[in-house]
N, C-alpha and C. Protein backbone atom coordinates (compact mmCIF):
# COMPACT_ATOMS: atom_id res chain seq x y z
N MET A 1 83.17 92.19 124.55
CA MET A 1 82.24 92.98 125.31
C MET A 1 82.86 93.30 126.67
N PRO A 2 82.91 94.56 127.04
CA PRO A 2 83.46 94.92 128.35
C PRO A 2 82.55 94.45 129.48
N ILE A 3 83.17 94.11 130.57
CA ILE A 3 82.41 93.68 131.75
C ILE A 3 82.16 94.91 132.61
N GLN A 4 80.89 95.31 132.64
CA GLN A 4 80.50 96.51 133.39
C GLN A 4 79.49 96.21 134.49
N THR A 5 78.81 95.06 134.38
CA THR A 5 77.74 94.74 135.32
C THR A 5 77.87 93.28 135.77
N PRO A 6 77.18 92.90 136.85
CA PRO A 6 77.18 91.49 137.24
C PRO A 6 76.68 90.58 136.10
N ARG A 7 75.71 91.05 135.33
CA ARG A 7 75.20 90.27 134.20
C ARG A 7 76.30 90.04 133.15
N ASP A 8 77.08 91.09 132.86
CA ASP A 8 78.20 90.96 131.91
C ASP A 8 79.20 89.92 132.40
N LEU A 9 79.50 89.98 133.69
CA LEU A 9 80.44 89.02 134.27
C LEU A 9 79.88 87.60 134.16
N PHE A 10 78.61 87.44 134.46
CA PHE A 10 77.96 86.12 134.36
C PHE A 10 78.06 85.59 132.93
N LEU A 11 77.75 86.43 131.95
CA LEU A 11 77.83 85.99 130.55
C LEU A 11 79.26 85.61 130.16
N PHE A 12 80.23 86.39 130.63
CA PHE A 12 81.64 86.10 130.34
C PHE A 12 82.04 84.74 130.93
N GLU A 13 81.73 84.54 132.19
CA GLU A 13 82.08 83.28 132.86
C GLU A 13 81.30 82.11 132.26
N LEU A 14 80.06 82.33 131.91
CA LEU A 14 79.24 81.31 131.26
C LEU A 14 79.89 80.90 129.94
N GLY A 15 80.41 81.86 129.20
CA GLY A 15 81.09 81.58 127.94
C GLY A 15 82.36 80.77 128.13
N LYS A 16 83.10 81.05 129.21
CA LYS A 16 84.31 80.28 129.49
C LYS A 16 83.97 78.83 129.81
N VAL A 17 82.95 78.61 130.62
CA VAL A 17 82.55 77.25 130.97
C VAL A 17 82.00 76.54 129.73
N TYR A 18 81.28 77.27 128.91
CA TYR A 18 80.75 76.71 127.65
C TYR A 18 81.90 76.21 126.77
N HIS A 19 82.94 77.03 126.64
CA HIS A 19 84.12 76.63 125.86
C HIS A 19 84.78 75.39 126.47
N SER A 20 84.92 75.41 127.78
CA SER A 20 85.56 74.28 128.47
C SER A 20 84.78 72.99 128.25
N GLU A 21 83.47 73.05 128.39
CA GLU A 21 82.65 71.84 128.21
C GLU A 21 82.72 71.35 126.76
N GLN A 22 82.73 72.27 125.80
CA GLN A 22 82.84 71.86 124.40
C GLN A 22 84.18 71.19 124.12
N SER A 23 85.24 71.76 124.67
CA SER A 23 86.57 71.19 124.50
C SER A 23 86.66 69.81 125.16
N THR A 24 86.08 69.70 126.35
CA THR A 24 86.08 68.43 127.06
C THR A 24 85.32 67.38 126.27
N LEU A 25 84.18 67.75 125.73
CA LEU A 25 83.38 66.81 124.94
C LEU A 25 84.17 66.32 123.73
N GLN A 26 84.81 67.23 123.04
CA GLN A 26 85.61 66.86 121.87
C GLN A 26 86.73 65.88 122.27
N GLY A 27 87.40 66.18 123.36
CA GLY A 27 88.48 65.30 123.83
C GLY A 27 87.98 63.93 124.24
N MET A 28 86.83 63.89 124.92
CA MET A 28 86.31 62.59 125.37
C MET A 28 85.88 61.73 124.18
N HIS A 29 85.36 62.33 123.14
CA HIS A 29 85.01 61.55 121.94
C HIS A 29 86.26 60.90 121.35
N GLN A 30 87.36 61.62 121.39
CA GLN A 30 88.63 61.08 120.91
C GLN A 30 89.11 59.96 121.83
N LEU A 31 89.04 60.19 123.13
CA LEU A 31 89.56 59.21 124.10
C LEU A 31 88.74 57.93 124.15
N VAL A 32 87.44 58.02 123.98
CA VAL A 32 86.61 56.82 124.08
C VAL A 32 87.00 55.82 122.99
N GLN A 33 87.47 56.33 121.85
CA GLN A 33 87.91 55.45 120.76
C GLN A 33 89.24 54.76 121.12
N GLN A 34 90.04 55.41 121.95
CA GLN A 34 91.36 54.89 122.30
C GLN A 34 91.38 54.09 123.60
N ALA A 35 90.33 54.20 124.38
CA ALA A 35 90.33 53.58 125.71
C ALA A 35 90.45 52.07 125.62
N GLN A 36 91.41 51.53 126.34
CA GLN A 36 91.63 50.08 126.39
C GLN A 36 91.02 49.48 127.66
N ASN A 37 90.95 50.27 128.70
CA ASN A 37 90.39 49.82 129.96
C ASN A 37 88.86 49.92 129.86
N PRO A 38 88.14 48.78 129.99
CA PRO A 38 86.68 48.81 129.84
C PRO A 38 85.98 49.75 130.84
N GLN A 39 86.49 49.84 132.06
CA GLN A 39 85.90 50.75 133.05
C GLN A 39 86.08 52.20 132.62
N HIS A 40 87.26 52.50 132.10
CA HIS A 40 87.54 53.86 131.64
C HIS A 40 86.65 54.20 130.45
N LYS A 41 86.51 53.28 129.52
CA LYS A 41 85.66 53.51 128.35
C LYS A 41 84.21 53.76 128.77
N SER A 42 83.72 52.96 129.69
CA SER A 42 82.35 53.12 130.19
C SER A 42 82.18 54.47 130.89
N LEU A 43 83.17 54.84 131.68
CA LEU A 43 83.13 56.12 132.39
C LEU A 43 83.14 57.28 131.40
N LEU A 44 83.96 57.18 130.37
CA LEU A 44 84.00 58.22 129.35
C LEU A 44 82.65 58.35 128.65
N GLN A 45 82.02 57.23 128.34
CA GLN A 45 80.72 57.27 127.68
C GLN A 45 79.67 57.94 128.57
N GLN A 46 79.70 57.62 129.86
CA GLN A 46 78.78 58.28 130.80
C GLN A 46 79.09 59.77 130.88
N HIS A 47 80.37 60.09 130.92
CA HIS A 47 80.79 61.49 131.04
C HIS A 47 80.38 62.27 129.79
N ILE A 48 80.46 61.65 128.61
CA ILE A 48 80.03 62.30 127.37
C ILE A 48 78.56 62.67 127.47
N THR A 49 77.74 61.72 127.92
CA THR A 49 76.30 61.97 128.04
C THR A 49 76.03 63.12 129.01
N GLU A 50 76.71 63.13 130.14
CA GLU A 50 76.52 64.20 131.13
C GLU A 50 76.99 65.54 130.59
N THR A 51 78.12 65.53 129.89
CA THR A 51 78.65 66.78 129.35
C THR A 51 77.72 67.36 128.29
N GLN A 52 77.13 66.51 127.48
CA GLN A 52 76.16 66.99 126.49
C GLN A 52 74.99 67.69 127.20
N GLN A 53 74.53 67.11 128.31
CA GLN A 53 73.45 67.74 129.07
C GLN A 53 73.90 69.06 129.69
N GLN A 54 75.11 69.09 130.19
CA GLN A 54 75.63 70.31 130.79
C GLN A 54 75.76 71.43 129.75
N ILE A 55 76.13 71.07 128.54
CA ILE A 55 76.19 72.06 127.45
C ILE A 55 74.79 72.60 127.17
N ARG A 56 73.80 71.72 127.14
CA ARG A 56 72.41 72.18 126.93
C ARG A 56 71.97 73.09 128.07
N ASN A 57 72.37 72.77 129.30
CA ASN A 57 72.03 73.63 130.44
C ASN A 57 72.62 75.02 130.27
N ILE A 58 73.87 75.09 129.84
CA ILE A 58 74.52 76.38 129.63
C ILE A 58 73.80 77.15 128.52
N GLU A 59 73.48 76.46 127.43
CA GLU A 59 72.78 77.11 126.33
C GLU A 59 71.41 77.63 126.78
N GLN A 60 70.76 76.89 127.65
CA GLN A 60 69.46 77.32 128.18
C GLN A 60 69.61 78.61 129.00
N CYS A 61 70.68 78.70 129.77
CA CYS A 61 70.90 79.92 130.56
C CYS A 61 71.25 81.10 129.66
N PHE A 62 72.04 80.88 128.63
CA PHE A 62 72.29 81.95 127.66
C PHE A 62 70.95 82.44 127.10
N ALA A 63 70.10 81.50 126.70
CA ALA A 63 68.79 81.86 126.12
C ALA A 63 67.95 82.64 127.12
N ARG A 64 67.98 82.24 128.39
CA ARG A 64 67.21 82.95 129.42
C ARG A 64 67.67 84.40 129.53
N LEU A 65 68.94 84.63 129.23
CA LEU A 65 69.49 85.99 129.30
C LEU A 65 69.36 86.72 127.96
N GLY A 66 68.73 86.05 126.98
CA GLY A 66 68.52 86.68 125.67
C GLY A 66 69.80 86.83 124.86
N GLN A 67 70.75 85.96 125.09
CA GLN A 67 72.04 86.05 124.41
C GLN A 67 72.32 84.74 123.66
N PRO A 68 73.05 84.82 122.55
CA PRO A 68 73.46 83.59 121.88
C PRO A 68 74.54 82.89 122.72
N ALA A 69 74.55 81.57 122.68
CA ALA A 69 75.57 80.81 123.39
C ALA A 69 76.90 81.06 122.70
N THR A 70 77.81 81.74 123.39
CA THR A 70 79.08 82.14 122.80
C THR A 70 80.23 81.63 123.66
N PRO A 71 81.06 80.73 123.10
CA PRO A 71 82.21 80.26 123.87
C PRO A 71 83.26 81.36 124.02
N VAL A 72 83.89 81.40 125.18
CA VAL A 72 84.98 82.33 125.46
C VAL A 72 86.22 81.50 125.76
N PRO A 73 87.15 81.41 124.80
CA PRO A 73 88.37 80.62 125.04
C PRO A 73 89.14 81.15 126.25
N SER A 74 89.75 80.22 126.95
CA SER A 74 90.48 80.56 128.17
C SER A 74 91.73 79.69 128.24
N GLN A 75 92.73 80.17 128.96
CA GLN A 75 93.94 79.36 129.18
C GLN A 75 93.63 78.13 130.02
N PHE A 76 92.62 78.26 130.88
CA PHE A 76 92.20 77.13 131.69
C PHE A 76 91.07 76.43 130.98
N GLY A 77 90.92 75.17 131.24
CA GLY A 77 89.76 74.45 130.72
C GLY A 77 89.85 74.07 129.27
N ASP A 78 91.05 73.97 128.71
CA ASP A 78 91.20 73.55 127.32
C ASP A 78 91.67 72.10 127.29
N TYR A 79 90.71 71.22 127.39
CA TYR A 79 90.94 69.78 127.46
C TYR A 79 91.76 69.29 126.28
N MET A 80 91.40 69.74 125.08
CA MET A 80 92.10 69.30 123.88
C MET A 80 93.57 69.71 123.90
N ARG A 81 93.87 70.91 124.35
CA ARG A 81 95.26 71.36 124.43
C ARG A 81 96.06 70.45 125.36
N ASP A 82 95.46 70.09 126.49
CA ASP A 82 96.16 69.23 127.44
C ASP A 82 96.36 67.82 126.89
N LEU A 83 95.37 67.30 126.17
CA LEU A 83 95.53 65.97 125.57
C LEU A 83 96.62 65.99 124.50
N GLN A 84 96.68 67.03 123.71
CA GLN A 84 97.71 67.14 122.68
C GLN A 84 99.10 67.21 123.31
N ALA A 85 99.23 67.95 124.39
CA ALA A 85 100.51 68.04 125.09
C ALA A 85 100.93 66.67 125.62
N LEU A 86 99.97 65.91 126.12
CA LEU A 86 100.26 64.56 126.60
C LEU A 86 100.72 63.66 125.45
N GLN A 87 100.02 63.72 124.34
CA GLN A 87 100.36 62.86 123.21
C GLN A 87 101.74 63.18 122.64
N GLN A 88 102.15 64.43 122.72
CA GLN A 88 103.48 64.81 122.24
C GLN A 88 104.59 64.16 123.06
N GLN A 89 104.28 63.76 124.28
CA GLN A 89 105.26 63.09 125.14
C GLN A 89 105.41 61.62 124.78
N ASN A 90 104.49 61.10 123.96
CA ASN A 90 104.53 59.73 123.45
C ASN A 90 104.74 58.67 124.55
N PRO A 91 103.90 58.67 125.59
CA PRO A 91 104.06 57.67 126.64
C PRO A 91 103.61 56.29 126.15
N PRO A 92 104.10 55.22 126.78
CA PRO A 92 103.60 53.88 126.45
C PRO A 92 102.08 53.84 126.68
N PRO A 93 101.37 52.95 125.98
CA PRO A 93 99.90 52.91 126.07
C PRO A 93 99.36 52.86 127.50
N GLU A 94 99.99 52.07 128.37
CA GLU A 94 99.48 51.96 129.74
C GLU A 94 99.57 53.30 130.48
N LEU A 95 100.69 54.00 130.25
CA LEU A 95 100.86 55.29 130.92
C LEU A 95 99.98 56.36 130.29
N HIS A 96 99.76 56.24 128.99
CA HIS A 96 98.85 57.18 128.32
C HIS A 96 97.45 57.04 128.91
N GLN A 97 96.97 55.81 129.08
CA GLN A 97 95.65 55.59 129.66
C GLN A 97 95.58 56.16 131.08
N LEU A 98 96.63 55.91 131.84
CA LEU A 98 96.66 56.42 133.22
C LEU A 98 96.65 57.95 133.23
N ALA A 99 97.41 58.55 132.35
CA ALA A 99 97.47 60.01 132.29
C ALA A 99 96.14 60.60 131.85
N THR A 100 95.45 59.96 130.91
CA THR A 100 94.16 60.51 130.48
C THR A 100 93.12 60.38 131.58
N MET A 101 93.25 59.37 132.43
CA MET A 101 92.36 59.28 133.59
C MET A 101 92.64 60.45 134.54
N GLY A 102 93.93 60.78 134.69
CA GLY A 102 94.32 61.91 135.52
C GLY A 102 93.79 63.23 134.97
N VAL A 103 93.79 63.37 133.65
CA VAL A 103 93.23 64.56 133.03
C VAL A 103 91.73 64.65 133.36
N GLY A 104 91.06 63.49 133.36
CA GLY A 104 89.64 63.46 133.72
C GLY A 104 89.41 63.97 135.13
N ILE A 105 90.24 63.56 136.06
CA ILE A 105 90.13 64.03 137.45
C ILE A 105 90.34 65.54 137.50
N TRP A 106 91.40 65.98 136.88
CA TRP A 106 91.75 67.40 136.91
C TRP A 106 90.59 68.23 136.39
N TYR A 107 90.05 67.84 135.23
CA TYR A 107 88.99 68.65 134.63
C TYR A 107 87.70 68.59 135.42
N ASN A 108 87.39 67.47 136.02
CA ASN A 108 86.17 67.42 136.83
C ASN A 108 86.29 68.33 138.04
N HIS A 109 87.44 68.33 138.68
CA HIS A 109 87.62 69.23 139.83
C HIS A 109 87.61 70.69 139.38
N PHE A 110 88.21 70.97 138.23
CA PHE A 110 88.17 72.32 137.67
C PHE A 110 86.73 72.74 137.43
N GLU A 111 85.94 71.85 136.83
CA GLU A 111 84.55 72.18 136.51
C GLU A 111 83.68 72.31 137.75
N VAL A 112 84.03 71.60 138.83
CA VAL A 112 83.32 71.79 140.10
C VAL A 112 83.45 73.27 140.50
N GLY A 113 84.66 73.80 140.42
CA GLY A 113 84.86 75.21 140.75
C GLY A 113 84.11 76.14 139.81
N CYS A 114 84.09 75.79 138.52
CA CYS A 114 83.36 76.62 137.54
C CYS A 114 81.88 76.67 137.88
N TYR A 115 81.30 75.51 138.17
CA TYR A 115 79.86 75.50 138.46
C TYR A 115 79.54 76.18 139.78
N ARG A 116 80.44 76.09 140.75
CA ARG A 116 80.21 76.84 142.00
C ARG A 116 80.16 78.34 141.72
N GLU A 117 81.08 78.81 140.87
CA GLU A 117 81.08 80.23 140.52
C GLU A 117 79.80 80.60 139.77
N LEU A 118 79.39 79.78 138.79
CA LEU A 118 78.17 80.09 138.03
C LEU A 118 76.94 80.11 138.94
N ILE A 119 76.89 79.22 139.91
CA ILE A 119 75.77 79.20 140.86
C ILE A 119 75.73 80.52 141.64
N THR A 120 76.88 80.94 142.13
CA THR A 120 76.95 82.19 142.89
C THR A 120 76.53 83.38 142.04
N LEU A 121 77.02 83.44 140.80
CA LEU A 121 76.66 84.55 139.92
C LEU A 121 75.17 84.52 139.56
N ALA A 122 74.64 83.33 139.30
CA ALA A 122 73.20 83.23 138.98
C ALA A 122 72.36 83.64 140.19
N GLN A 123 72.81 83.28 141.39
CA GLN A 123 72.10 83.71 142.60
C GLN A 123 72.14 85.23 142.72
N THR A 124 73.28 85.82 142.42
CA THR A 124 73.42 87.28 142.46
C THR A 124 72.42 87.95 141.54
N LEU A 125 72.17 87.32 140.38
CA LEU A 125 71.23 87.88 139.41
C LEU A 125 69.78 87.47 139.70
N GLY A 126 69.60 86.59 140.69
CA GLY A 126 68.25 86.14 141.04
C GLY A 126 67.65 85.17 140.04
N ASP A 127 68.51 84.45 139.30
CA ASP A 127 68.04 83.51 138.28
C ASP A 127 68.02 82.09 138.86
N GLN A 128 66.93 81.74 139.53
CA GLN A 128 66.83 80.45 140.21
C GLN A 128 66.85 79.28 139.23
N GLU A 129 66.33 79.47 138.03
CA GLU A 129 66.34 78.37 137.06
C GLU A 129 67.77 77.99 136.68
N CYS A 130 68.61 78.99 136.43
CA CYS A 130 70.01 78.70 136.13
C CYS A 130 70.72 78.09 137.35
N VAL A 131 70.39 78.60 138.53
CA VAL A 131 70.97 78.03 139.75
C VAL A 131 70.66 76.53 139.81
N THR A 132 69.41 76.16 139.56
CA THR A 132 69.00 74.76 139.62
C THR A 132 69.74 73.92 138.58
N LEU A 133 69.85 74.45 137.36
CA LEU A 133 70.56 73.72 136.31
C LEU A 133 72.03 73.53 136.67
N PHE A 134 72.66 74.56 137.21
CA PHE A 134 74.08 74.45 137.55
C PHE A 134 74.31 73.60 138.79
N GLU A 135 73.36 73.57 139.70
CA GLU A 135 73.48 72.66 140.85
C GLU A 135 73.45 71.21 140.37
N GLN A 136 72.62 70.91 139.38
CA GLN A 136 72.59 69.57 138.79
C GLN A 136 73.96 69.25 138.17
N SER A 137 74.50 70.19 137.40
CA SER A 137 75.81 69.98 136.77
C SER A 137 76.90 69.81 137.83
N LEU A 138 76.83 70.60 138.89
CA LEU A 138 77.81 70.50 139.97
C LEU A 138 77.80 69.11 140.59
N ARG A 139 76.61 68.58 140.89
CA ARG A 139 76.52 67.23 141.47
C ARG A 139 77.09 66.18 140.51
N GLN A 140 76.81 66.34 139.23
CA GLN A 140 77.35 65.39 138.25
C GLN A 140 78.87 65.44 138.23
N GLU A 141 79.43 66.64 138.24
CA GLU A 141 80.89 66.79 138.21
C GLU A 141 81.53 66.21 139.48
N GLN A 142 80.92 66.43 140.63
CA GLN A 142 81.47 65.90 141.88
C GLN A 142 81.45 64.37 141.87
N THR A 143 80.36 63.80 141.40
CA THR A 143 80.24 62.34 141.33
C THR A 143 81.23 61.78 140.33
N MET A 144 81.34 62.44 139.18
CA MET A 144 82.27 61.96 138.16
C MET A 144 83.71 62.04 138.65
N ALA A 145 84.05 63.08 139.38
CA ALA A 145 85.41 63.20 139.92
C ALA A 145 85.72 62.03 140.86
N GLN A 146 84.76 61.64 141.67
CA GLN A 146 84.96 60.50 142.56
C GLN A 146 85.17 59.22 141.77
N LYS A 147 84.41 59.05 140.70
CA LYS A 147 84.56 57.85 139.86
C LYS A 147 85.92 57.83 139.19
N TYR A 148 86.38 58.98 138.68
CA TYR A 148 87.72 59.04 138.08
C TYR A 148 88.79 58.75 139.13
N ASP A 149 88.61 59.28 140.35
CA ASP A 149 89.57 58.98 141.43
C ASP A 149 89.69 57.48 141.64
N GLU A 150 88.55 56.81 141.69
CA GLU A 150 88.53 55.37 141.95
C GLU A 150 89.18 54.58 140.81
N ILE A 151 88.82 54.89 139.59
CA ILE A 151 89.36 54.15 138.46
C ILE A 151 90.86 54.43 138.28
N LEU A 152 91.29 55.65 138.56
CA LEU A 152 92.71 55.97 138.47
C LEU A 152 93.50 55.19 139.51
N ARG A 153 92.97 55.11 140.71
CA ARG A 153 93.65 54.35 141.77
C ARG A 153 93.81 52.89 141.34
N GLN A 154 92.75 52.28 140.85
CA GLN A 154 92.80 50.88 140.43
C GLN A 154 93.77 50.68 139.27
N ALA A 155 93.67 51.53 138.27
CA ALA A 155 94.54 51.40 137.10
C ALA A 155 95.99 51.70 137.48
N GLY A 156 96.19 52.66 138.37
CA GLY A 156 97.54 52.99 138.81
C GLY A 156 98.22 51.82 139.50
N GLN A 157 97.48 51.08 140.30
CA GLN A 157 98.05 49.91 140.97
C GLN A 157 98.48 48.87 139.95
N GLN A 158 97.70 48.70 138.90
CA GLN A 158 98.04 47.72 137.86
C GLN A 158 99.26 48.17 137.07
N VAL A 159 99.34 49.44 136.75
CA VAL A 159 100.45 49.95 135.96
C VAL A 159 101.76 49.89 136.74
N VAL A 160 101.70 50.21 138.02
CA VAL A 160 102.91 50.19 138.85
C VAL A 160 103.53 48.79 138.86
N GLN A 161 102.73 47.77 138.81
CA GLN A 161 103.25 46.39 138.78
C GLN A 161 103.99 46.08 137.48
N ARG A 162 103.69 46.78 136.40
CA ARG A 162 104.30 46.51 135.10
C ARG A 162 105.61 47.28 134.89
N PHE A 163 105.82 48.34 135.64
CA PHE A 163 106.99 49.18 135.43
C PHE A 163 107.86 49.15 136.69
N PRO A 164 109.16 48.95 136.50
CA PRO A 164 110.04 48.97 137.68
C PRO A 164 110.13 50.37 138.24
N ARG A 165 110.32 50.43 139.54
CA ARG A 165 110.46 51.74 140.20
C ARG A 165 111.84 52.31 139.89
N ALA A 166 111.87 53.63 139.72
CA ALA A 166 113.14 54.32 139.45
C ALA A 166 113.99 54.30 140.71
N ALA A 167 115.28 54.21 140.51
CA ALA A 167 116.22 54.16 141.65
C ALA A 167 116.43 55.52 142.24
């Protein structure tokens, strides 16, 4: 569908975020099974619950616009692609865990930007209900990013002690 109006742009961007959240959810389901760090596993489980709600929020906004929820694949926001690229590098388990925590940080910060854009577009269209839903998602993403920052710092300190520094 060509983008000719602010509404078209909103639907397009909504579809990209929808795809990103679906990809992230799929990746987190995979990671929670592999997580060895109990804090990371707990954080992933919380993030799965929040992401499921964020997907419902997006679907609700599609419905408000009278459109089916349609994912729009994008080069950005493809969590599964990034996890597969990491796995192809075959890092030791400790480094794999650390790297997946880093992916969590990256995607949460990416999604903060996505929700800020969706809020602005929904405001442009005068859709306060979608604005409210996306503000909730934005707060969740900001909080989750802080939690990933903290857990990555802690895990990183532990991993550094196990591996000698390169000369």
